Amino acid sequence: MQHQPDLPEILYISDPLCGWCYSMSPTIQRIQQEWAGRIEVSVLCGGMVTGNQVGPIGEDWPDLEAGLQQVETVTGVPFGAGFRALGAAGTYVQNSEPPCRAIHAFRQLRQEHTARFAHDVQRAYFHDGADLNDMGTYEPLAAAYGVDMVNFRRQLALPETARGTQLEFAAVAKIGVQGFPTCILRVGQQGYVLARGYQPYEVFAAGLEQALMQAEEESR
């Protein structure tokens, strides 16, 4: 399935280490399924934890653990025992660049499945407690979509993939995103902010319908 540039496009701006994004991804997946043929979905990774923010999860775990209950209460999406054990151990180094690079590499090979793959990466982390700094973590996730592992490893290792990931972070910063997740509807040259933060499907879908109607009226 090829990208259809004539369709309205949702830019789903998120980060693999963002718990609210993990909880928002099922909404985006349902939009992608139920609005197929009407809407395109593209994923942009924001690079939430990079540079001097990279460090052991133990430094932030008390705050992160307190936030998990809020996310679970609001969204109904649970965090797994594997992730809680990872946080409690405290030594895991949080770094958005490796998982964002894996998502960027996957996009070059299976663009139409990128939103689903990005959620798989988040689930591996927030449910199973997987090591997102280990490139081997992504191989079975990508293989589930029929990606050839030789091609995937090659794509991951390309300097262009690393540069492209950094350019993606810069593009998100240029948009002026204040937090994750953020969802923007792009219709032609017009952009409409659909969500800043988590929204359940029904709320998000209603806002999408309204934004599409507004775009249609403005195009007349």
Protein backbone atom coordinates (compact mmCIF):
# COMPACT_ATOMS: atom_id res chain seq x y z
CA MET A 1 0.00 0.00 0.00
CA GLN A 2 1.46 3.31 -1.05
CA HIS A 3 1.07 6.68 0.60
CA GLN A 4 -1.75 8.65 -1.00
CA PRO A 5 -0.76 12.33 -0.90
CA ASP A 6 -4.24 13.52 -1.83
CA LEU A 7 -5.76 12.21 1.41
CA PRO A 8 -5.88 14.25 4.63
CA GLU A 9 -3.00 13.20 6.87
CA ILE A 10 -2.72 12.87 10.64
CA LEU A 11 0.75 13.61 11.95
CA TYR A 12 1.04 11.56 15.13
CA ILE A 13 3.94 13.16 17.00
CA SER A 14 5.10 10.95 19.83
CA ASP A 15 8.09 9.38 21.54
CA PRO A 16 8.75 5.72 22.38
CA LEU A 17 9.58 6.61 26.01
CA CYS A 18 6.36 8.59 26.55
CA GLY A 19 3.80 6.75 28.69
CA TRP A 20 0.92 8.92 27.50
CA CYS A 21 1.91 8.13 23.90
CA TYR A 22 1.83 4.41 24.70
CA SER A 23 -1.72 4.90 25.94
CA MET A 24 -2.69 7.06 22.94
CA SER A 25 -1.42 4.62 20.32
CA PRO A 26 -4.51 2.35 20.45
CA THR A 27 -6.64 5.38 19.55
CA ILE A 28 -4.39 6.10 16.55
CA GLN A 29 -4.44 2.47 15.48
CA ARG A 30 -8.23 2.41 15.59
CA ILE A 31 -8.38 5.61 13.53
CA GLN A 32 -6.06 4.03 10.99
CA GLN A 33 -8.29 0.95 10.78
CA GLU A 34 -11.74 2.54 10.80
CA TRP A 35 -10.84 5.54 8.65
CA ALA A 36 -8.88 3.61 6.05
CA GLY A 37 -9.28 5.23 2.64
CA ARG A 38 -10.21 8.59 4.18
CA ILE A 39 -7.16 9.40 6.30
CA GLU A 40 -3.42 8.74 6.15
CA VAL A 41 -1.48 8.41 9.41
CA SER A 42 2.19 9.36 9.65
CA VAL A 43 4.35 8.98 12.75
CA LEU A 44 6.94 11.56 13.77
CA CYS A 45 9.29 10.81 16.67
CA GLY A 46 10.08 13.75 18.89
CA GLY A 47 13.25 12.76 20.74
CA MET A 48 11.88 13.39 24.23
CA VAL A 49 14.93 11.99 26.08
CA THR A 50 18.14 12.99 24.31
CA GLY A 51 21.39 14.82 25.03
CA ASN A 52 21.94 15.63 28.69
CA GLN A 53 18.54 14.13 29.54
CA VAL A 54 19.84 10.62 28.81
CA GLY A 55 20.50 8.76 32.03
CA PRO A 56 19.53 5.88 34.35
CA ILE A 57 15.81 5.40 34.81
CA GLY A 58 16.39 5.18 38.57
CA GLU A 59 17.00 8.93 38.69
CA ASP A 60 13.41 9.57 37.54
CA TRP A 61 11.70 6.40 38.73
CA PRO A 62 9.88 7.84 41.79
CA ASP A 63 8.18 10.44 39.59
CA LEU A 64 7.62 7.98 36.74
CA GLU A 65 6.10 5.38 39.03
CA ALA A 66 3.74 7.94 40.54
CA GLY A 67 2.67 8.96 37.04
CA LEU A 68 1.90 5.40 35.95
CA GLN A 69 -1.16 5.20 38.16
CA GLN A 70 -2.54 8.43 36.71
CA VAL A 71 -2.03 7.24 33.14
CA GLU A 72 -3.64 3.87 33.90
CA THR A 73 -6.59 5.51 35.64
CA VAL A 74 -7.25 7.98 32.84
CA THR A 75 -6.64 5.70 29.87
CA GLY A 76 -7.27 2.17 31.10
CA VAL A 77 -4.03 1.02 29.44
CA PRO A 78 -1.91 -0.98 31.91
CA PHE A 79 1.86 -0.94 32.33
CA GLY A 80 3.42 -4.37 32.64
CA ALA A 81 5.35 -6.01 35.45
CA GLY A 82 8.38 -6.15 33.17
CA PHE A 83 8.53 -2.38 32.88
CA ARG A 84 7.96 -1.88 36.59
CA ALA A 85 10.81 -4.27 37.36
CA LEU A 86 13.04 -2.38 34.92
CA GLY A 87 12.25 0.89 36.67
CA ALA A 88 12.71 -0.53 40.15
CA ALA A 89 16.14 -1.92 39.22
CA GLY A 90 17.09 1.61 38.26
CA THR A 91 20.08 0.97 35.99
CA TYR A 92 18.39 1.02 32.58
CA VAL A 93 19.54 4.04 30.56
CA GLN A 94 16.67 6.02 29.07
CA ASN A 95 17.50 7.27 25.57
CA SER A 96 14.95 8.10 22.89
CA GLU A 97 17.43 7.97 20.00
CA PRO A 98 17.76 4.16 19.54
CA PRO A 99 14.01 3.39 19.38
CA CYS A 100 13.35 6.47 17.25
CA ARG A 101 16.10 5.35 14.88
CA ALA A 102 14.53 1.89 14.67
CA ILE A 103 11.14 3.41 13.84
CA HIS A 104 12.77 5.68 11.24
CA ALA A 105 14.49 2.65 9.67
CA PHE A 106 11.27 0.63 9.64
CA ARG A 107 9.44 3.52 7.94
CA GLN A 108 11.79 3.27 4.96
CA LEU A 109 10.80 -0.38 4.49
CA ARG A 110 7.12 -0.60 5.52
CA GLN A 111 5.77 2.95 5.69
CA GLU A 112 2.13 1.87 5.85
CA HIS A 113 2.71 -0.10 9.06
CA THR A 114 4.81 2.47 10.91
CA ALA A 115 2.12 3.48 13.42
CA ARG A 116 1.58 -0.16 14.38
CA PHE A 117 5.31 -0.84 14.61
CA ALA A 118 5.79 2.24 16.79
CA HIS A 119 3.12 0.92 19.16
CA ASP A 120 4.81 -2.50 19.19
CA VAL A 121 8.03 -0.79 20.26
CA GLN A 122 6.21 1.03 23.05
CA ARG A 123 4.51 -2.16 24.20
CA ALA A 124 7.83 -4.01 24.26
CA TYR A 125 9.10 -1.32 26.62
CA PHE A 126 6.13 -0.36 28.76
CA HIS A 127 4.62 -3.85 29.02
CA ASP A 128 7.53 -6.27 28.70
CA GLY A 129 10.40 -4.13 29.98
CA ALA A 130 12.46 -4.71 26.81
CA ASP A 131 15.85 -3.07 26.31
CA LEU A 132 15.27 -0.43 23.64
CA ASN A 133 18.99 0.32 23.52
CA ASP A 134 19.61 -3.15 22.08
CA MET A 135 19.04 -3.12 18.32
CA GLY A 136 18.22 -6.83 18.49
CA THR A 137 15.00 -5.94 20.33
CA TYR A 138 13.50 -4.60 17.10
CA GLU A 139 14.21 -7.55 14.83
CA PRO A 140 11.27 -9.79 15.85
CA LEU A 141 8.99 -6.74 15.90
CA ALA A 142 9.94 -5.84 12.33
CA ALA A 143 9.89 -9.47 11.16
CA ALA A 144 6.21 -9.67 12.15
CA TYR A 145 5.52 -7.31 9.22
CA GLY A 146 7.47 -9.37 6.72
CA VAL A 147 10.56 -7.19 6.83
CA ASP A 148 13.72 -8.95 5.68
CA MET A 149 16.22 -8.90 8.54
CA VAL A 150 19.24 -8.33 6.32
CA ASN A 151 17.57 -5.24 4.88
CA PHE A 152 16.43 -4.07 8.30
CA ARG A 153 19.88 -4.40 9.84
CA ARG A 154 21.40 -2.60 6.88
CA GLN A 155 18.84 0.20 7.14
CA LEU A 156 19.48 0.58 10.87
CA ALA A 157 23.22 0.88 10.32
CA LEU A 158 23.09 3.45 7.54
CA PRO A 159 24.47 6.90 8.42
CA GLU A 160 21.45 8.29 6.55
CA THR A 161 19.16 6.66 9.10
CA ALA A 162 20.97 8.30 12.01
CA ARG A 163 20.92 11.67 10.24
CA GLY A 164 17.29 11.24 9.28
CA THR A 165 16.37 10.57 12.90
CA GLN A 166 18.07 13.80 14.01
CA LEU A 167 16.32 15.72 11.22
CA GLU A 168 13.03 14.25 12.45
CA PHE A 169 13.72 15.58 15.95
CA ALA A 170 14.53 18.99 14.44
CA ALA A 171 11.33 18.98 12.38
CA VAL A 172 9.23 18.26 15.48
CA ALA A 173 10.99 21.07 17.34
CA LYS A 174 10.35 23.44 14.42
CA ILE A 175 6.64 22.62 14.50
CA GLY A 176 6.70 23.91 18.07
CA VAL A 177 5.40 20.80 19.80
CA GLN A 178 5.19 21.45 23.54
CA GLY A 179 4.55 17.90 24.67
CA PHE A 180 3.77 14.36 23.58
CA PRO A 181 1.60 13.09 22.12
CA THR A 182 0.47 15.80 19.74
CA CYS A 183 -1.74 15.11 16.73
CA ILE A 184 -2.04 17.47 13.79
CA LEU A 185 -4.36 17.09 10.81
CA ARG A 186 -2.86 18.24 7.54
CA VAL A 187 -5.25 18.97 4.67
CA GLY A 188 -3.42 20.40 1.70
CA GLN A 189 -1.44 23.35 3.02
CA GLN A 190 -3.63 23.76 6.12
CA GLY A 191 -2.90 22.31 9.55
CA TYR A 192 -5.30 21.72 12.43
CA VAL A 193 -4.28 20.64 15.94
CA LEU A 194 -6.43 17.65 16.86
CA ALA A 195 -4.98 16.76 20.24
CA ARG A 196 -2.37 17.81 22.74
CA GLY A 197 -2.09 14.85 25.06
CA TYR A 198 -4.15 11.70 25.38
CA GLN A 199 -7.69 11.44 23.98
CA PRO A 200 -9.98 8.38 23.88
CA TYR A 201 -11.12 7.27 20.43
CA GLU A 202 -14.62 8.75 20.59
CA VAL A 203 -13.35 12.22 21.53
CA PHE A 204 -10.55 12.10 18.99
CA ALA A 205 -12.82 10.87 16.17
CA ALA A 206 -15.36 13.63 16.88
CA GLY A 207 -12.60 16.25 16.75
CA LEU A 208 -11.31 14.77 13.50
CA GLU A 209 -14.77 14.96 11.92
CA GLN A 210 -15.08 18.59 13.00
CA ALA A 211 -11.63 19.49 11.66
CA LEU A 212 -12.38 17.83 8.31
CA MET A 213 -15.64 19.78 8.05
CA GLN A 214 -13.80 23.00 8.86
CA ALA A 215 -11.18 22.24 6.23
CA GLU A 216 -13.87 21.57 3.65
CA GLU A 217 -15.66 24.83 4.44
CA GLU A 218 -12.43 26.81 4.25
CA SER A 219 -11.60 25.31 0.86
CA ARG A 220 -14.80 26.59 -0.73
